[in-house]
Amino acid sequence: MIPAIPSIPSVGAAESLGAAQAAPASAAAGTATDAASSSSFANMLGQAIDSLNGATNNATNVSLEAAAGNASVADATVASTEADLDTQLASALTDKAVTALNTIMNMQA
């Protein structure tokens, strides 16, 4: 069986989570806010990469089970398509991030 896709927290929830993590810090307020934002973004990015890895591993396992006759071809197709879509999303986000970084770097000229 294919595991359910986990829900993605809203931006407001992620920011409040980051602020709650930075509250006990003894740093200045501006520095704590910056650290909280990067920390929560890093956590969300890490979770997304873990999710992508899990989807590809699941697709591989279901495909092997289907080849052995223990799973249906439909389940293997769904798992493979899910992994493909996750990979396309990660690639598109990477391209957008690189484009944004290049745009920012070109502003300095």
C-alpha atoms as a PDB file:
ATOM      1  CA  MET A   1       0.000   0.000   0.000  1.00  0.00           C
ATOM      2  CA  ILE A   2       1.214   3.482  -0.816  1.00  0.00           C
ATOM      3  CA  PRO A   3       1.667   5.740   2.235  1.00  0.00           C
ATOM      4  CA  ALA A   4      -0.386   8.923   2.449  1.00  0.00           C
ATOM      5  CA  ILE A   5       1.227  12.189   1.401  1.00  0.00           C
ATOM      6  CA  PRO A   6       2.018  14.252   4.523  1.00  0.00           C
ATOM      7  CA  SER A   7       0.419  17.672   4.817  1.00  0.00           C
ATOM      8  CA  ILE A   8       2.544  20.753   4.251  1.00  0.00           C
ATOM      9  CA  PRO A   9       2.424  23.335   7.070  1.00  0.00           C
ATOM     10  CA  SER A  10       1.335  26.843   6.155  1.00  0.00           C
ATOM     11  CA  VAL A  11       3.862  29.664   6.087  1.00  0.00           C
ATOM     12  CA  GLY A  12       2.361  31.247   9.224  1.00  0.00           C
ATOM     13  CA  ALA A  13       2.662  27.984  11.135  1.00  0.00           C
ATOM     14  CA  ALA A  14       6.286  27.560  10.058  1.00  0.00           C
ATOM     15  CA  GLU A  15       7.151  31.104  11.132  1.00  0.00           C
ATOM     16  CA  SER A  16       5.515  30.676  14.539  1.00  0.00           C
ATOM     17  CA  LEU A  17       7.350  27.368  14.971  1.00  0.00           C
ATOM     18  CA  GLY A  18      10.644  29.079  14.162  1.00  0.00           C
ATOM     19  CA  ALA A  19       9.891  31.912  16.581  1.00  0.00           C
ATOM     20  CA  ALA A  20       9.049  29.435  19.327  1.00  0.00           C
ATOM     21  CA  GLN A  21      12.358  27.640  18.787  1.00  0.00           C
ATOM     22  CA  ALA A  22      14.327  30.892  18.943  1.00  0.00           C
ATOM     23  CA  ALA A  23      12.560  32.320  22.025  1.00  0.00           C
ATOM     24  CA  PRO A  24      14.966  30.832  24.617  1.00  0.00           C
ATOM     25  CA  ALA A  25      18.013  32.079  22.718  1.00  0.00           C
ATOM     26  CA  SER A  26      20.085  34.726  24.432  1.00  0.00           C
ATOM     27  CA  ALA A  27      21.025  36.486  21.174  1.00  0.00           C
ATOM     28  CA  ALA A  28      19.710  39.861  20.061  1.00  0.00           C
ATOM     29  CA  ALA A  29      16.103  39.991  18.803  1.00  0.00           C
ATOM     30  CA  GLY A  30      17.017  40.572  15.133  1.00  0.00           C
ATOM     31  CA  THR A  31      19.579  37.788  15.120  1.00  0.00           C
ATOM     32  CA  ALA A  32      17.164  35.366  16.804  1.00  0.00           C
ATOM     33  CA  THR A  33      14.476  36.092  14.214  1.00  0.00           C
ATOM     34  CA  ASP A  34      16.915  35.554  11.333  1.00  0.00           C
ATOM     35  CA  ALA A  35      18.128  32.295  12.863  1.00  0.00           C
ATOM     36  CA  ALA A  36      14.573  31.099  13.413  1.00  0.00           C
ATOM     37  CA  SER A  37      13.613  31.789   9.809  1.00  0.00           C
ATOM     38  CA  SER A  38      16.623  29.968   8.384  1.00  0.00           C
ATOM     39  CA  SER A  39      16.230  27.119  10.864  1.00  0.00           C
ATOM     40  CA  SER A  40      12.585  26.513  10.035  1.00  0.00           C
ATOM     41  CA  PHE A  41      13.289  26.795   6.295  1.00  0.00           C
ATOM     42  CA  ALA A  42      16.169  24.356   6.641  1.00  0.00           C
ATOM     43  CA  ASN A  43      13.911  21.939   8.507  1.00  0.00           C
ATOM     44  CA  MET A  44      11.196  22.200   5.859  1.00  0.00           C
ATOM     45  CA  LEU A  45      13.752  21.718   3.080  1.00  0.00           C
ATOM     46  CA  GLY A  46      15.213  18.679   4.834  1.00  0.00           C
ATOM     47  CA  GLN A  47      11.761  17.172   5.275  1.00  0.00           C
ATOM     48  CA  ALA A  48      10.999  17.727   1.587  1.00  0.00           C
ATOM     49  CA  ILE A  49      14.214  15.982   0.564  1.00  0.00           C
ATOM     50  CA  ASP A  50      13.452  13.102   2.928  1.00  0.00           C
ATOM     51  CA  SER A  51       9.967  12.857   1.417  1.00  0.00           C
ATOM     52  CA  LEU A  52      11.438  12.726  -2.095  1.00  0.00           C
ATOM     53  CA  ASN A  53      13.864  10.015  -1.035  1.00  0.00           C
ATOM     54  CA  GLY A  54      11.038   8.042   0.581  1.00  0.00           C
ATOM     55  CA  ALA A  55       8.889   8.307  -2.546  1.00  0.00           C
ATOM     56  CA  THR A  56      11.667   7.025  -4.780  1.00  0.00           C
ATOM     57  CA  ASN A  57      12.486   4.186  -2.381  1.00  0.00           C
ATOM     58  CA  ASN A  58       8.790   3.272  -2.211  1.00  0.00           C
ATOM     59  CA  ALA A  59       8.547   3.267  -6.006  1.00  0.00           C
ATOM     60  CA  THR A  60      11.565   0.986  -6.239  1.00  0.00           C
ATOM     61  CA  ASN A  61      10.209  -1.419  -3.631  1.00  0.00           C
ATOM     62  CA  VAL A  62       6.711  -1.578  -5.132  1.00  0.00           C
ATOM     63  CA  SER A  63       8.189  -2.084  -8.605  1.00  0.00           C
ATOM     64  CA  LEU A  64      10.294  -4.978  -7.352  1.00  0.00           C
ATOM     65  CA  GLU A  65       7.253  -6.489  -5.629  1.00  0.00           C
ATOM     66  CA  ALA A  66       5.220  -6.128  -8.823  1.00  0.00           C
ATOM     67  CA  ALA A  67       7.987  -7.817 -10.812  1.00  0.00           C
ATOM     68  CA  ALA A  68       7.943 -10.687  -8.313  1.00  0.00           C
ATOM     69  CA  GLY A  69       4.144 -10.926  -8.579  1.00  0.00           C
ATOM     70  CA  ASN A  70       3.433  -9.741  -5.023  1.00  0.00           C
ATOM     71  CA  ALA A  71       1.947  -6.352  -5.970  1.00  0.00           C
ATOM     72  CA  SER A  72      -0.237  -5.095  -8.777  1.00  0.00           C
ATOM     73  CA  VAL A  73       1.128  -3.244 -11.765  1.00  0.00           C
ATOM     74  CA  ALA A  74      -1.284  -0.405 -10.972  1.00  0.00           C
ATOM     75  CA  ASP A  75       0.322   0.105  -7.538  1.00  0.00           C
ATOM     76  CA  ALA A  76       3.772   0.148  -9.141  1.00  0.00           C
ATOM     77  CA  THR A  77       2.608   2.674 -11.738  1.00  0.00           C
ATOM     78  CA  VAL A  78       1.099   4.959  -9.095  1.00  0.00           C
ATOM     79  CA  ALA A  79       4.240   4.808  -6.931  1.00  0.00           C
ATOM     80  CA  SER A  80       6.476   5.440  -9.934  1.00  0.00           C
ATOM     81  CA  THR A  81       4.367   8.392 -11.076  1.00  0.00           C
ATOM     82  CA  GLU A  82       4.373   9.867  -7.562  1.00  0.00           C
ATOM     83  CA  ALA A  83       8.164   9.632  -7.401  1.00  0.00           C
ATOM     84  CA  ASP A  84       8.448  11.173 -10.872  1.00  0.00           C
ATOM     85  CA  LEU A  85       6.218  14.106  -9.926  1.00  0.00           C
ATOM     86  CA  ASP A  86       8.155  14.670  -6.697  1.00  0.00           C
ATOM     87  CA  THR A  87      11.404  14.694  -8.670  1.00  0.00           C
ATOM     88  CA  GLN A  88       9.994  17.153 -11.216  1.00  0.00           C
ATOM     89  CA  LEU A  89       8.842  19.436  -8.392  1.00  0.00           C
ATOM     90  CA  ALA A  90      12.263  19.356  -6.727  1.00  0.00           C
ATOM     91  CA  SER A  91      13.921  20.116 -10.057  1.00  0.00           C
ATOM     92  CA  ALA A  92      11.569  23.030 -10.771  1.00  0.00           C
ATOM     93  CA  LEU A  93      12.128  24.495  -7.298  1.00  0.00           C
ATOM     94  CA  THR A  94      15.886  24.193  -7.739  1.00  0.00           C
ATOM     95  CA  ASP A  95      15.713  25.969 -11.093  1.00  0.00           C
ATOM     96  CA  LYS A  96      13.602  28.779  -9.599  1.00  0.00           C
ATOM     97  CA  ALA A  97      15.989  29.166  -6.659  1.00  0.00           C
ATOM     98  CA  VAL A  98      19.003  29.401  -8.970  1.00  0.00           C
ATOM     99  CA  THR A  99      17.199  31.932 -11.179  1.00  0.00           C
ATOM    100  CA  ALA A 100      16.297  34.025  -8.120  1.00  0.00           C
ATOM    101  CA  LEU A 101      19.884  33.906  -6.852  1.00  0.00           C
ATOM    102  CA  ASN A 102      21.221  34.971 -10.256  1.00  0.00           C
ATOM    103  CA  THR A 103      18.719  37.828 -10.372  1.00  0.00           C
ATOM    104  CA  ILE A 104      19.823  39.026  -6.936  1.00  0.00           C
ATOM    105  CA  MET A 105      23.495  38.781  -7.879  1.00  0.00           C
ATOM    106  CA  ASN A 106      22.882  40.790 -11.077  1.00  0.00           C
ATOM    107  CA  MET A 107      21.319  43.621  -9.030  1.00  0.00           C
ATOM    108  CA  GLN A 108      24.732  44.489  -7.602  1.00  0.00           C
ATOM    109  CA  ALA A 109      26.076  45.580 -10.991  1.00  0.00           C
END
